Amino acid sequence: MEKYNTFKVQVNGWDYVDLTGTAQDIGFWHGYLLGDQIKNTIESIALWSKEALKLDWSFYREMALQGMSWFKWGKSCGQPFYADKFLEERIEYAWQKPYLRDYESYPWVKVGASNWLK
């Protein structure tokens, strides 16, 4: 097996990974190094979705099998995002100021492979 310079490090409670190799290699290492976090995230989303949206995990599974996804530009609640207002209310995110900008909100759009194959 080829040697990889791939690693995981934890900083201030966050896991950071540095992945190398082909797309297949990166996918493998991503799952290998973050498997527990991925599993916990999927379980959390499934529980939240069932309670908050009344959508069972089978809905997402079917969408994935069809190569379909829902996308939205902006906040999911439909409100625009204003960086200055956000940073005023949440000073702990001040370090993100150079990266944040205002975004208008647009409707949800269903997209999939068929959108680009036509």
N, C-alpha and C. Protein backbone atom coordinates (compact mmCIF):
# COMPACT_ATOMS: atom_id res chain seq x y z
N MET A 1 0.84 -1.19 0.00
CA MET A 1 0.00 0.00 0.00
C MET A 1 0.88 1.24 0.00
N GLU A 2 0.48 2.21 -0.74
CA GLU A 2 1.20 3.47 -0.84
C GLU A 2 1.18 4.21 0.50
N LYS A 3 2.27 4.92 0.80
CA LYS A 3 2.35 5.68 2.04
C LYS A 3 1.72 7.05 1.85
N TYR A 4 0.94 7.51 2.84
CA TYR A 4 0.25 8.79 2.74
C TYR A 4 0.69 9.70 3.88
N ASN A 5 0.76 10.97 3.59
CA ASN A 5 1.02 11.98 4.62
C ASN A 5 -0.33 12.55 5.04
N THR A 6 -1.13 11.73 5.70
CA THR A 6 -2.49 12.07 6.09
C THR A 6 -2.59 12.01 7.61
N PHE A 7 -3.22 13.00 8.21
CA PHE A 7 -3.30 12.99 9.65
C PHE A 7 -4.53 13.75 10.15
N LYS A 8 -4.82 13.56 11.44
CA LYS A 8 -5.91 14.26 12.13
C LYS A 8 -5.33 14.87 13.39
N VAL A 9 -5.72 16.12 13.67
CA VAL A 9 -5.28 16.79 14.89
C VAL A 9 -6.48 17.51 15.49
N GLN A 10 -6.52 17.58 16.83
CA GLN A 10 -7.62 18.27 17.50
C GLN A 10 -7.09 19.58 18.10
N VAL A 11 -7.78 20.68 17.79
CA VAL A 11 -7.41 22.00 18.30
C VAL A 11 -8.65 22.66 18.86
N ASN A 12 -8.61 23.01 20.13
CA ASN A 12 -9.74 23.68 20.79
C ASN A 12 -11.06 22.95 20.57
N GLY A 13 -11.04 21.64 20.62
CA GLY A 13 -12.26 20.85 20.47
C GLY A 13 -12.68 20.59 19.04
N TRP A 14 -11.93 21.10 18.07
CA TRP A 14 -12.25 20.89 16.64
C TRP A 14 -11.28 19.88 16.07
N ASP A 15 -11.79 18.96 15.24
CA ASP A 15 -10.93 18.01 14.54
C ASP A 15 -10.57 18.56 13.17
N TYR A 16 -9.28 18.59 12.89
CA TYR A 16 -8.79 19.01 11.58
C TYR A 16 -8.08 17.83 10.93
N VAL A 17 -8.32 17.64 9.64
CA VAL A 17 -7.65 16.57 8.93
C VAL A 17 -6.90 17.14 7.74
N ASP A 18 -5.78 16.50 7.42
CA ASP A 18 -5.01 16.83 6.23
C ASP A 18 -4.99 15.56 5.40
N LEU A 19 -5.66 15.58 4.26
CA LEU A 19 -5.85 14.37 3.46
C LEU A 19 -5.11 14.50 2.13
N THR A 20 -4.47 13.42 1.72
CA THR A 20 -3.75 13.41 0.45
C THR A 20 -4.13 12.17 -0.35
N GLY A 21 -3.80 12.20 -1.63
CA GLY A 21 -4.04 11.05 -2.49
C GLY A 21 -5.10 11.32 -3.53
N THR A 22 -5.57 10.26 -4.15
CA THR A 22 -6.61 10.36 -5.17
C THR A 22 -7.95 10.66 -4.49
N ALA A 23 -8.97 10.94 -5.27
CA ALA A 23 -10.30 11.18 -4.70
C ALA A 23 -10.75 9.97 -3.88
N GLN A 24 -10.47 8.77 -4.37
CA GLN A 24 -10.83 7.56 -3.63
C GLN A 24 -10.06 7.47 -2.32
N ASP A 25 -8.76 7.80 -2.34
CA ASP A 25 -7.95 7.78 -1.12
C ASP A 25 -8.49 8.79 -0.10
N ILE A 26 -8.78 10.00 -0.57
CA ILE A 26 -9.27 11.05 0.31
C ILE A 26 -10.60 10.64 0.93
N GLY A 27 -11.48 10.05 0.14
CA GLY A 27 -12.76 9.56 0.67
C GLY A 27 -12.55 8.50 1.73
N PHE A 28 -11.62 7.58 1.48
CA PHE A 28 -11.33 6.54 2.47
C PHE A 28 -10.83 7.15 3.77
N TRP A 29 -9.81 8.02 3.68
CA TRP A 29 -9.21 8.60 4.88
C TRP A 29 -10.19 9.50 5.62
N HIS A 30 -11.03 10.18 4.88
CA HIS A 30 -12.06 11.03 5.51
C HIS A 30 -12.95 10.16 6.40
N GLY A 31 -13.44 9.06 5.85
CA GLY A 31 -14.28 8.15 6.62
C GLY A 31 -13.53 7.46 7.75
N TYR A 32 -12.29 7.07 7.49
CA TYR A 32 -11.49 6.38 8.50
C TYR A 32 -11.19 7.28 9.68
N LEU A 33 -10.78 8.53 9.40
CA LEU A 33 -10.37 9.44 10.47
C LEU A 33 -11.54 10.14 11.17
N LEU A 34 -12.65 10.31 10.46
CA LEU A 34 -13.78 11.05 11.03
C LEU A 34 -15.06 10.22 11.09
N GLY A 35 -14.93 8.92 11.01
CA GLY A 35 -16.09 8.03 10.96
C GLY A 35 -17.07 8.22 12.10
N ASP A 36 -16.56 8.33 13.33
CA ASP A 36 -17.46 8.51 14.48
C ASP A 36 -18.23 9.83 14.39
N GLN A 37 -17.53 10.90 13.98
CA GLN A 37 -18.19 12.20 13.85
C GLN A 37 -19.23 12.17 12.73
N ILE A 38 -18.91 11.51 11.63
CA ILE A 38 -19.85 11.41 10.50
C ILE A 38 -21.10 10.65 10.96
N LYS A 39 -20.90 9.53 11.65
CA LYS A 39 -22.03 8.73 12.14
C LYS A 39 -22.90 9.55 13.11
N ASN A 40 -22.27 10.26 14.03
CA ASN A 40 -23.03 11.08 14.99
C ASN A 40 -23.79 12.20 14.29
N THR A 41 -23.19 12.79 13.28
CA THR A 41 -23.85 13.87 12.54
C THR A 41 -25.07 13.34 11.81
N ILE A 42 -24.93 12.21 11.13
CA ILE A 42 -26.06 11.61 10.41
C ILE A 42 -27.20 11.27 11.38
N GLU A 43 -26.85 10.68 12.53
CA GLU A 43 -27.88 10.34 13.52
C GLU A 43 -28.58 11.59 14.05
N SER A 44 -27.80 12.66 14.28
CA SER A 44 -28.39 13.91 14.79
C SER A 44 -29.31 14.55 13.76
N ILE A 45 -28.86 14.58 12.50
CA ILE A 45 -29.68 15.16 11.44
C ILE A 45 -30.96 14.35 11.25
N ALA A 46 -30.84 13.03 11.30
CA ALA A 46 -32.01 12.18 11.13
C ALA A 46 -33.03 12.43 12.23
N LEU A 47 -32.57 12.53 13.47
CA LEU A 47 -33.47 12.78 14.59
C LEU A 47 -34.10 14.17 14.48
N TRP A 48 -33.29 15.18 14.23
CA TRP A 48 -33.80 16.55 14.09
C TRP A 48 -34.80 16.65 12.95
N SER A 49 -34.45 16.05 11.81
CA SER A 49 -35.32 16.13 10.64
C SER A 49 -36.67 15.47 10.90
N LYS A 50 -36.64 14.35 11.57
CA LYS A 50 -37.89 13.64 11.86
C LYS A 50 -38.77 14.46 12.80
N GLU A 51 -38.16 15.11 13.79
CA GLU A 51 -38.93 15.90 14.75
C GLU A 51 -39.34 17.26 14.18
N ALA A 52 -38.39 17.99 13.61
CA ALA A 52 -38.63 19.38 13.18
C ALA A 52 -39.31 19.47 11.83
N LEU A 53 -38.92 18.62 10.89
CA LEU A 53 -39.44 18.72 9.52
C LEU A 53 -40.45 17.64 9.16
N LYS A 54 -40.59 16.67 10.06
CA LYS A 54 -41.48 15.52 9.82
C LYS A 54 -41.06 14.74 8.57
N LEU A 55 -39.74 14.70 8.33
CA LEU A 55 -39.19 13.95 7.20
C LEU A 55 -38.34 12.80 7.75
N ASP A 56 -38.68 11.60 7.37
CA ASP A 56 -37.94 10.43 7.78
C ASP A 56 -36.63 10.36 6.99
N TRP A 57 -35.64 9.64 7.53
CA TRP A 57 -34.34 9.51 6.86
C TRP A 57 -34.50 8.92 5.46
N SER A 58 -35.54 8.14 5.24
CA SER A 58 -35.75 7.53 3.92
C SER A 58 -35.93 8.60 2.84
N PHE A 59 -36.47 9.78 3.19
CA PHE A 59 -36.61 10.88 2.24
C PHE A 59 -35.25 11.27 1.69
N TYR A 60 -34.26 11.44 2.57
CA TYR A 60 -32.92 11.84 2.15
C TYR A 60 -32.22 10.72 1.38
N ARG A 61 -32.46 9.52 1.82
CA ARG A 61 -31.86 8.37 1.13
C ARG A 61 -32.37 8.28 -0.30
N GLU A 62 -33.67 8.45 -0.49
CA GLU A 62 -34.27 8.40 -1.83
C GLU A 62 -33.74 9.54 -2.70
N MET A 63 -33.62 10.73 -2.12
CA MET A 63 -33.06 11.87 -2.86
C MET A 63 -31.64 11.56 -3.32
N ALA A 64 -30.84 10.97 -2.42
CA ALA A 64 -29.46 10.64 -2.77
C ALA A 64 -29.41 9.58 -3.87
N LEU A 65 -30.28 8.57 -3.78
CA LEU A 65 -30.30 7.52 -4.80
C LEU A 65 -30.70 8.08 -6.17
N GLN A 66 -31.51 9.12 -6.17
CA GLN A 66 -31.91 9.76 -7.42
C GLN A 66 -30.90 10.82 -7.87
N GLY A 67 -29.86 11.05 -7.05
CA GLY A 67 -28.89 12.08 -7.37
C GLY A 67 -29.46 13.47 -7.23
N MET A 68 -30.43 13.64 -6.33
CA MET A 68 -31.11 14.92 -6.17
C MET A 68 -30.74 15.55 -4.82
N SER A 69 -30.74 16.86 -4.78
CA SER A 69 -30.52 17.61 -3.54
C SER A 69 -31.31 18.90 -3.58
N TRP A 70 -31.57 19.44 -2.41
CA TRP A 70 -32.19 20.76 -2.28
C TRP A 70 -31.12 21.75 -1.89
N PHE A 71 -31.06 22.88 -2.57
CA PHE A 71 -30.08 23.92 -2.25
C PHE A 71 -30.78 25.25 -2.03
N LYS A 72 -30.16 26.05 -1.22
CA LYS A 72 -30.70 27.38 -0.94
C LYS A 72 -29.55 28.33 -0.75
N TRP A 73 -29.61 29.49 -1.38
CA TRP A 73 -28.61 30.53 -1.17
C TRP A 73 -29.18 31.47 -0.12
N GLY A 74 -28.51 31.57 1.00
CA GLY A 74 -29.00 32.39 2.09
C GLY A 74 -29.39 31.53 3.27
N LYS A 75 -30.01 32.13 4.25
CA LYS A 75 -30.41 31.41 5.45
C LYS A 75 -31.64 30.53 5.17
N SER A 76 -31.68 29.38 5.77
CA SER A 76 -32.77 28.44 5.52
C SER A 76 -34.13 28.99 5.94
N CYS A 77 -34.13 29.94 6.87
CA CYS A 77 -35.40 30.51 7.34
C CYS A 77 -35.98 31.51 6.34
N GLY A 78 -35.22 31.85 5.30
CA GLY A 78 -35.71 32.77 4.28
C GLY A 78 -35.33 34.22 4.51
N GLN A 79 -34.68 34.51 5.63
CA GLN A 79 -34.26 35.88 5.93
C GLN A 79 -32.87 36.15 5.35
N PRO A 80 -32.59 37.37 4.94
CA PRO A 80 -31.24 37.69 4.47
C PRO A 80 -30.25 37.64 5.63
N PHE A 81 -28.98 37.52 5.31
CA PHE A 81 -27.92 37.48 6.31
C PHE A 81 -27.13 38.78 6.22
N TYR A 82 -27.04 39.49 7.34
CA TYR A 82 -26.28 40.74 7.40
C TYR A 82 -25.09 40.54 8.34
N ALA A 83 -23.91 40.55 7.76
CA ALA A 83 -22.69 40.23 8.51
C ALA A 83 -22.48 41.14 9.71
N ASP A 84 -22.62 42.46 9.55
CA ASP A 84 -22.38 43.38 10.66
C ASP A 84 -23.34 43.11 11.82
N LYS A 85 -24.60 42.90 11.50
CA LYS A 85 -25.59 42.62 12.55
C LYS A 85 -25.26 41.31 13.26
N PHE A 86 -24.90 40.29 12.48
CA PHE A 86 -24.53 38.99 13.04
C PHE A 86 -23.35 39.15 14.01
N LEU A 87 -22.32 39.88 13.58
CA LEU A 87 -21.13 40.05 14.41
C LEU A 87 -21.40 40.90 15.66
N GLU A 88 -22.30 41.84 15.57
CA GLU A 88 -22.69 42.63 16.75
C GLU A 88 -23.34 41.75 17.80
N GLU A 89 -24.18 40.82 17.35
CA GLU A 89 -24.91 39.95 18.27
C GLU A 89 -24.08 38.77 18.78
N ARG A 90 -23.02 38.44 18.06
CA ARG A 90 -22.22 37.25 18.40
C ARG A 90 -20.74 37.59 18.32
N ILE A 91 -20.24 38.26 19.35
CA ILE A 91 -18.85 38.74 19.32
C ILE A 91 -17.83 37.60 19.27
N GLU A 92 -18.25 36.39 19.65
CA GLU A 92 -17.31 35.26 19.61
C GLU A 92 -16.91 34.89 18.18
N TYR A 93 -17.65 35.41 17.19
CA TYR A 93 -17.32 35.14 15.79
C TYR A 93 -16.56 36.30 15.13
N ALA A 94 -16.08 37.24 15.92
CA ALA A 94 -15.39 38.41 15.38
C ALA A 94 -14.22 38.02 14.48
N TRP A 95 -13.57 36.92 14.78
CA TRP A 95 -12.43 36.47 13.98
C TRP A 95 -12.83 36.14 12.54
N GLN A 96 -14.12 35.92 12.28
CA GLN A 96 -14.59 35.59 10.94
C GLN A 96 -14.93 36.81 10.10
N LYS A 97 -14.80 38.01 10.67
CA LYS A 97 -15.20 39.23 9.97
C LYS A 97 -14.63 39.33 8.55
N PRO A 98 -13.35 39.01 8.33
CA PRO A 98 -12.82 39.14 6.96
C PRO A 98 -13.50 38.20 5.95
N TYR A 99 -14.17 37.15 6.45
CA TYR A 99 -14.75 36.15 5.56
C TYR A 99 -16.25 36.29 5.37
N LEU A 100 -16.91 37.07 6.22
CA LEU A 100 -18.36 37.19 6.16
C LEU A 100 -18.78 38.37 5.30
N ARG A 101 -19.87 38.18 4.59
CA ARG A 101 -20.46 39.28 3.81
C ARG A 101 -21.97 39.11 3.80
N ASP A 102 -22.66 40.15 3.43
CA ASP A 102 -24.12 40.11 3.39
C ASP A 102 -24.59 39.20 2.26
N TYR A 103 -25.69 38.48 2.52
CA TYR A 103 -26.30 37.61 1.52
C TYR A 103 -27.81 37.80 1.52
N GLU A 104 -28.34 37.96 0.34
CA GLU A 104 -29.80 37.95 0.20
C GLU A 104 -30.25 36.50 0.29
N SER A 105 -31.50 36.28 0.50
CA SER A 105 -32.04 34.93 0.58
C SER A 105 -32.86 34.63 -0.67
N TYR A 106 -32.75 33.43 -1.17
CA TYR A 106 -33.48 32.99 -2.36
C TYR A 106 -34.24 31.71 -2.05
N PRO A 107 -35.20 31.34 -2.89
CA PRO A 107 -36.01 30.14 -2.60
C PRO A 107 -35.19 28.85 -2.71
N TRP A 108 -35.70 27.80 -2.08
CA TRP A 108 -35.10 26.48 -2.20
C TRP A 108 -35.25 25.99 -3.64
N VAL A 109 -34.23 25.28 -4.13
CA VAL A 109 -34.22 24.75 -5.49
C VAL A 109 -33.79 23.30 -5.44
N LYS A 110 -34.52 22.44 -6.13
CA LYS A 110 -34.17 21.03 -6.21
C LYS A 110 -33.30 20.82 -7.43
N VAL A 111 -32.11 20.27 -7.25
CA VAL A 111 -31.20 20.03 -8.37
C VAL A 111 -30.69 18.60 -8.31
N GLY A 112 -30.26 18.13 -9.47
CA GLY A 112 -29.70 16.80 -9.56
C GLY A 112 -28.93 16.63 -10.83
N ALA A 113 -28.39 15.47 -11.03
CA ALA A 113 -27.58 15.20 -12.21
C ALA A 113 -28.35 15.48 -13.48
N SER A 114 -29.66 15.22 -13.47
CA SER A 114 -30.47 15.42 -14.68
C SER A 114 -30.50 16.90 -15.11
N ASN A 115 -30.28 17.83 -14.16
CA ASN A 115 -30.27 19.25 -14.50
C ASN A 115 -29.13 19.59 -15.45
N TRP A 116 -28.03 18.84 -15.34
CA TRP A 116 -26.86 19.14 -16.15
C TRP A 116 -26.70 18.18 -17.34
N LEU A 117 -27.46 17.11 -17.36
CA LEU A 117 -27.32 16.13 -18.42
C LEU A 117 -28.19 16.41 -19.63
N LYS A 118 -29.06 17.40 -19.53
CA LYS A 118 -29.98 17.70 -20.63
C LYS A 118 -29.26 18.38 -21.77
